[in-house]
Each structure stands twice: as structure tokens, then as C-alpha cells.
């Protein structure tokens, strides 16, 4: 894999902070690991009967880089939210297979969960006397905000 691909992943590991030279090798190791995982994921997805579709694999790889950047932005933006860790765990478990995370799907999952949170907040504001319905949906779906929101809309 060419060095230019490492440059795709390095900026997403900084998460907006100041990075000192002493951390450079650690960051480079993380970037290399993420790069290797993205290559493995994309080549696995786009190899049929032993033949790699290089164009689609490259597209997948770029998409993984963009999703990783988007994920990093969400981490910074939502850092103070009490639900962030639950969403990362939920989406991370769902979209990590054999130790390789599909960041494109993880980012999609995080977006859907955030939409669920906004829908829940709106629903609770519009239905202040229906907390029992919310409690039923939350007990059924635990931390999956998308499904909790769906449950609330279904019961309207």
C-alpha cells in the first residue's frame, strides 16, 4: 500500500487537538492499522472468485476514509453528550466483524441514532404526559435510539 493512503487516515486521528512529535509514531501506527483494516475490508468486499475489482475497492477505501473523518467530527461535536459512549458501543459492535470496523456503516449508524435522539426529544416535548409509553419503548430497545423513536411513532 502506498504511503499516500496513510495520509488519508492520519488527519482523522488527531481529533482537533495539538499533536506533539513524541506521539507521531503512535499515530502513525494507528493510521497504519486503520489503513490495513480498510484495505482488508474493501478487498474482501470487492473480491469475487479470487478476482479483485480494483476500481470498487479503491472507491470503498476512499469512502472508509471519509466516514472515519465524519466519525471523528462527531466525536468532537458530541463529546459532552451523555449518550455518546452508548452510541459508539452500539454502532461499533454492530459494524465490527472479526476485529475490522466498517466505518462507512458505523458513521451511518451514528447518524441514524442521532436522528433517533432528536425524534425522541421532540416526541417527549410534544407528549409530556406520555412518559410511560417512552419507558415501555426504552425498556424494549435499551440504547437503540432509532428503534425507541420508531416505537414511539408507532404507538402514536
C-alpha atoms as a PDB file:
ATOM      1  CA  UNK A   1       0.000   0.000   0.000  1.00  0.00           C
ATOM      2  CA  UNK A   2       1.324   3.407  -0.902  1.00  0.00           C
ATOM      3  CA  UNK A   3       2.284   5.997   1.694  1.00  0.00           C
ATOM      4  CA  UNK A   4      -0.311   8.428   0.302  1.00  0.00           C
ATOM      5  CA  UNK A   5      -3.064   6.264   1.760  1.00  0.00           C
ATOM      6  CA  UNK A   6      -1.650   6.695   5.246  1.00  0.00           C
ATOM      7  CA  UNK A   7      -2.075  10.422   4.723  1.00  0.00           C
ATOM      8  CA  UNK A   8      -5.792   9.830   4.158  1.00  0.00           C
ATOM      9  CA  UNK A   9      -6.159   8.327   7.627  1.00  0.00           C
ATOM     10  CA  UNK A  10      -3.683  10.349   9.726  1.00  0.00           C
ATOM     11  CA  UNK A  11      -5.729  13.577   9.930  1.00  0.00           C
ATOM     12  CA  UNK A  12      -8.705  11.717  11.387  1.00  0.00           C
ATOM     13  CA  UNK A  13      -6.736  10.506  14.381  1.00  0.00           C
ATOM     14  CA  UNK A  14      -5.907  13.980  15.656  1.00  0.00           C
ATOM     15  CA  UNK A  15      -9.474  14.866  16.676  1.00  0.00           C
ATOM     16  CA  UNK A  16      -8.632  18.548  16.547  1.00  0.00           C
ATOM     17  CA  UNK A  17      -6.013  18.608  19.306  1.00  0.00           C
ATOM     18  CA  UNK A  18      -2.393  19.611  19.229  1.00  0.00           C
ATOM     19  CA  UNK A  19      -0.229  16.636  18.461  1.00  0.00           C
ATOM     20  CA  UNK A  20       3.338  16.601  19.721  1.00  0.00           C
ATOM     21  CA  UNK A  21       6.232  14.918  17.915  1.00  0.00           C
ATOM     22  CA  UNK A  22       6.539  12.266  20.635  1.00  0.00           C
ATOM     23  CA  UNK A  23       3.110  10.926  19.640  1.00  0.00           C
ATOM     24  CA  UNK A  24       3.906  10.789  15.953  1.00  0.00           C
ATOM     25  CA  UNK A  25       4.981   7.153  15.858  1.00  0.00           C
ATOM     26  CA  UNK A  26       1.925   6.076  17.867  1.00  0.00           C
ATOM     27  CA  UNK A  27      -0.334   7.992  15.498  1.00  0.00           C
ATOM     28  CA  UNK A  28       1.441   6.527  12.509  1.00  0.00           C
ATOM     29  CA  UNK A  29       0.920   3.031  13.959  1.00  0.00           C
ATOM     30  CA  UNK A  30      -2.790   3.731  14.473  1.00  0.00           C
ATOM     31  CA  UNK A  31      -3.109   5.142  10.972  1.00  0.00           C
ATOM     32  CA  UNK A  32      -1.355   2.111   9.516  1.00  0.00           C
ATOM     33  CA  UNK A  33      -3.637  -0.242  11.471  1.00  0.00           C
ATOM     34  CA  UNK A  34      -6.774   1.590  10.296  1.00  0.00           C
ATOM     35  CA  UNK A  35      -5.445   1.658   6.764  1.00  0.00           C
ATOM     36  CA  UNK A  36      -4.728  -2.067   6.844  1.00  0.00           C
ATOM     37  CA  UNK A  37      -8.218  -2.748   8.182  1.00  0.00           C
ATOM     38  CA  UNK A  38      -9.797  -0.595   5.452  1.00  0.00           C
ATOM     39  CA  UNK A  39      -7.796  -2.380   2.761  1.00  0.00           C
ATOM     40  CA  UNK A  40      -8.767  -5.766   4.205  1.00  0.00           C
ATOM     41  CA  UNK A  41     -12.436  -4.764   4.409  1.00  0.00           C
ATOM     42  CA  UNK A  42     -12.609  -3.297   0.909  1.00  0.00           C
ATOM     43  CA  UNK A  43     -10.617  -6.018  -0.785  1.00  0.00           C
ATOM     44  CA  UNK A  44     -12.760  -8.609   0.973  1.00  0.00           C
ATOM     45  CA  UNK A  45     -15.960  -6.920  -0.182  1.00  0.00           C
ATOM     46  CA  UNK A  46     -14.798  -6.484  -3.757  1.00  0.00           C
ATOM     47  CA  UNK A  47     -13.086  -9.792  -4.496  1.00  0.00           C
ATOM     48  CA  UNK A  48     -15.211 -12.361  -6.313  1.00  0.00           C
ATOM     49  CA  UNK A  49     -13.885 -15.831  -7.037  1.00  0.00           C
ATOM     50  CA  UNK A  50     -10.333 -14.631  -6.440  1.00  0.00           C
ATOM     51  CA  UNK A  51     -10.541 -11.552  -8.705  1.00  0.00           C
ATOM     52  CA  UNK A  52     -10.316  -8.095  -7.139  1.00  0.00           C
ATOM     53  CA  UNK A  53     -12.427  -5.303  -8.623  1.00  0.00           C
ATOM     54  CA  UNK A  54      -9.750  -2.647  -8.074  1.00  0.00           C
ATOM     55  CA  UNK A  55     -11.963   0.307  -9.039  1.00  0.00           C
ATOM     56  CA  UNK A  56     -14.642  -0.594  -6.491  1.00  0.00           C
ATOM     57  CA  UNK A  57     -12.051  -1.486  -3.855  1.00  0.00           C
ATOM     58  CA  UNK A  58     -10.425   1.954  -4.278  1.00  0.00           C
ATOM     59  CA  UNK A  59     -13.857   3.616  -4.082  1.00  0.00           C
ATOM     60  CA  UNK A  60     -14.613   1.659  -0.899  1.00  0.00           C
ATOM     61  CA  UNK A  61     -11.268   2.669   0.590  1.00  0.00           C
ATOM     62  CA  UNK A  62     -11.896   6.372  -0.063  1.00  0.00           C
ATOM     63  CA  UNK A  63     -15.396   6.018   1.386  1.00  0.00           C
ATOM     64  CA  UNK A  64     -13.907   4.470   4.550  1.00  0.00           C
ATOM     65  CA  UNK A  65     -11.556   7.455   4.878  1.00  0.00           C
ATOM     66  CA  UNK A  66     -14.411   9.952   4.538  1.00  0.00           C
ATOM     67  CA  UNK A  67     -16.514   8.030   7.050  1.00  0.00           C
ATOM     68  CA  UNK A  68     -13.629   7.917   9.521  1.00  0.00           C
ATOM     69  CA  UNK A  69     -13.262  11.698   9.190  1.00  0.00           C
ATOM     70  CA  UNK A  70     -17.010  12.145   9.734  1.00  0.00           C
ATOM     71  CA  UNK A  71     -16.868   9.844  12.766  1.00  0.00           C
ATOM     72  CA  UNK A  72     -14.013  11.926  14.226  1.00  0.00           C
ATOM     73  CA  UNK A  73     -16.044  15.085  13.713  1.00  0.00           C
ATOM     74  CA  UNK A  74     -18.991  13.535  15.545  1.00  0.00           C
ATOM     75  CA  UNK A  75     -16.743  12.574  18.455  1.00  0.00           C
ATOM     76  CA  UNK A  76     -15.605  16.197  18.764  1.00  0.00           C
ATOM     77  CA  UNK A  77     -19.097  17.640  18.274  1.00  0.00           C
ATOM     78  CA  UNK A  78     -20.859  15.289  20.687  1.00  0.00           C
ATOM     79  CA  UNK A  79     -18.048  14.926  23.252  1.00  0.00           C
ATOM     80  CA  UNK A  80     -20.152  16.410  26.066  1.00  0.00           C
ATOM     81  CA  UNK A  81     -23.227  14.251  25.399  1.00  0.00           C
ATOM     82  CA  UNK A  82     -24.004  11.546  27.944  1.00  0.00           C
ATOM     83  CA  UNK A  83     -25.249   9.184  25.211  1.00  0.00           C
ATOM     84  CA  UNK A  84     -22.097   9.260  23.029  1.00  0.00           C
ATOM     85  CA  UNK A  85     -20.391   6.227  24.548  1.00  0.00           C
ATOM     86  CA  UNK A  86     -23.574   4.135  24.264  1.00  0.00           C
ATOM     87  CA  UNK A  87     -23.914   5.042  20.584  1.00  0.00           C
ATOM     88  CA  UNK A  88     -20.273   4.228  19.844  1.00  0.00           C
ATOM     89  CA  UNK A  89     -20.657   0.866  21.587  1.00  0.00           C
ATOM     90  CA  UNK A  90     -23.957   0.061  19.864  1.00  0.00           C
ATOM     91  CA  UNK A  91     -22.797   1.005  16.372  1.00  0.00           C
ATOM     92  CA  UNK A  92     -19.273  -0.292  16.891  1.00  0.00           C
ATOM     93  CA  UNK A  93     -20.497  -3.737  17.932  1.00  0.00           C
ATOM     94  CA  UNK A  94     -22.952  -3.821  15.057  1.00  0.00           C
ATOM     95  CA  UNK A  95     -20.413  -2.872  12.380  1.00  0.00           C
ATOM     96  CA  UNK A  96     -17.220  -4.541  13.590  1.00  0.00           C
ATOM     97  CA  UNK A  97     -16.705  -8.053  12.281  1.00  0.00           C
ATOM     98  CA  UNK A  98     -13.627 -10.131  13.062  1.00  0.00           C
ATOM     99  CA  UNK A  99     -11.912  -7.074  14.503  1.00  0.00           C
ATOM    100  CA  UNK A 100     -12.444  -4.893  11.417  1.00  0.00           C
ATOM    101  CA  UNK A 101     -14.768  -1.898  11.640  1.00  0.00           C
ATOM    102  CA  UNK A 102     -16.750  -0.778   8.618  1.00  0.00           C
ATOM    103  CA  UNK A 103     -16.531   2.968   9.294  1.00  0.00           C
ATOM    104  CA  UNK A 104     -18.924   3.770   6.486  1.00  0.00           C
ATOM    105  CA  UNK A 105     -21.676   1.764   8.166  1.00  0.00           C
ATOM    106  CA  UNK A 106     -20.624   2.865  11.657  1.00  0.00           C
ATOM    107  CA  UNK A 107     -20.977   6.503  10.565  1.00  0.00           C
ATOM    108  CA  UNK A 108     -24.383   5.751   9.010  1.00  0.00           C
ATOM    109  CA  UNK A 109     -25.473   4.049  12.240  1.00  0.00           C
ATOM    110  CA  UNK A 110     -24.310   7.030  14.316  1.00  0.00           C
ATOM    111  CA  UNK A 111     -26.317   9.378  12.064  1.00  0.00           C
ATOM    112  CA  UNK A 112     -29.445   7.222  12.413  1.00  0.00           C
ATOM    113  CA  UNK A 113     -29.030   7.049  16.186  1.00  0.00           C
ATOM    114  CA  UNK A 114     -28.612  10.825  16.400  1.00  0.00           C
ATOM    115  CA  UNK A 115     -31.781  11.292  14.344  1.00  0.00           C
ATOM    116  CA  UNK A 116     -33.488   8.953  16.812  1.00  0.00           C
ATOM    117  CA  UNK A 117     -32.313  11.096  19.721  1.00  0.00           C
ATOM    118  CA  UNK A 118     -33.706  14.232  18.080  1.00  0.00           C
ATOM    119  CA  UNK A 119     -37.005  12.437  17.360  1.00  0.00           C
ATOM    120  CA  UNK A 120     -37.242  11.215  20.965  1.00  0.00           C
ATOM    121  CA  UNK A 121     -36.563  14.699  22.348  1.00  0.00           C
ATOM    122  CA  UNK A 122     -39.248  16.149  20.077  1.00  0.00           C
ATOM    123  CA  UNK A 123     -41.724  13.380  20.943  1.00  0.00           C
ATOM    124  CA  UNK A 124     -41.197  13.889  24.683  1.00  0.00           C
ATOM    125  CA  UNK A 125     -41.695  17.640  24.279  1.00  0.00           C
ATOM    126  CA  UNK A 126     -44.918  17.131  22.302  1.00  0.00           C
ATOM    127  CA  UNK A 127     -46.219  14.344  24.606  1.00  0.00           C
ATOM    128  CA  UNK A 128     -45.248  15.444  28.131  1.00  0.00           C
ATOM    129  CA  UNK A 129     -47.845  13.181  29.771  1.00  0.00           C
ATOM    130  CA  UNK A 130     -46.805  10.016  27.939  1.00  0.00           C
ATOM    131  CA  UNK A 131     -43.596   9.132  29.745  1.00  0.00           C
ATOM    132  CA  UNK A 132     -44.954   5.626  30.380  1.00  0.00           C
ATOM    133  CA  UNK A 133     -45.018   4.953  26.612  1.00  0.00           C
ATOM    134  CA  UNK A 134     -41.408   6.155  26.405  1.00  0.00           C
ATOM    135  CA  UNK A 135     -40.447   3.904  29.323  1.00  0.00           C
ATOM    136  CA  UNK A 136     -42.010   0.878  27.587  1.00  0.00           C
ATOM    137  CA  UNK A 137     -40.154   1.590  24.349  1.00  0.00           C
ATOM    138  CA  UNK A 138     -36.880   2.242  26.188  1.00  0.00           C
ATOM    139  CA  UNK A 139     -37.175  -0.973  28.189  1.00  0.00           C
ATOM    140  CA  UNK A 140     -37.751  -2.912  24.971  1.00  0.00           C
ATOM    141  CA  UNK A 141     -34.979  -1.310  22.861  1.00  0.00           C
ATOM    142  CA  UNK A 142     -32.497  -0.274  25.609  1.00  0.00           C
ATOM    143  CA  UNK A 143     -29.932   2.065  23.958  1.00  0.00           C
ATOM    144  CA  UNK A 144     -31.042   1.815  20.319  1.00  0.00           C
ATOM    145  CA  UNK A 145     -32.383   5.361  19.911  1.00  0.00           C
ATOM    146  CA  UNK A 146     -33.523   4.722  16.345  1.00  0.00           C
ATOM    147  CA  UNK A 147     -35.757   1.847  17.444  1.00  0.00           C
ATOM    148  CA  UNK A 148     -37.005   3.728  20.512  1.00  0.00           C
ATOM    149  CA  UNK A 149     -38.061   6.607  18.228  1.00  0.00           C
ATOM    150  CA  UNK A 150     -39.712   4.132  15.833  1.00  0.00           C
ATOM    151  CA  UNK A 151     -41.556   2.521  18.757  1.00  0.00           C
ATOM    152  CA  UNK A 152     -42.819   5.928  19.934  1.00  0.00           C
ATOM    153  CA  UNK A 153     -44.040   6.903  16.468  1.00  0.00           C
ATOM    154  CA  UNK A 154     -45.716   3.529  16.021  1.00  0.00           C
ATOM    155  CA  UNK A 155     -47.631   3.951  19.281  1.00  0.00           C
ATOM    156  CA  UNK A 156     -48.903   7.448  18.396  1.00  0.00           C
END
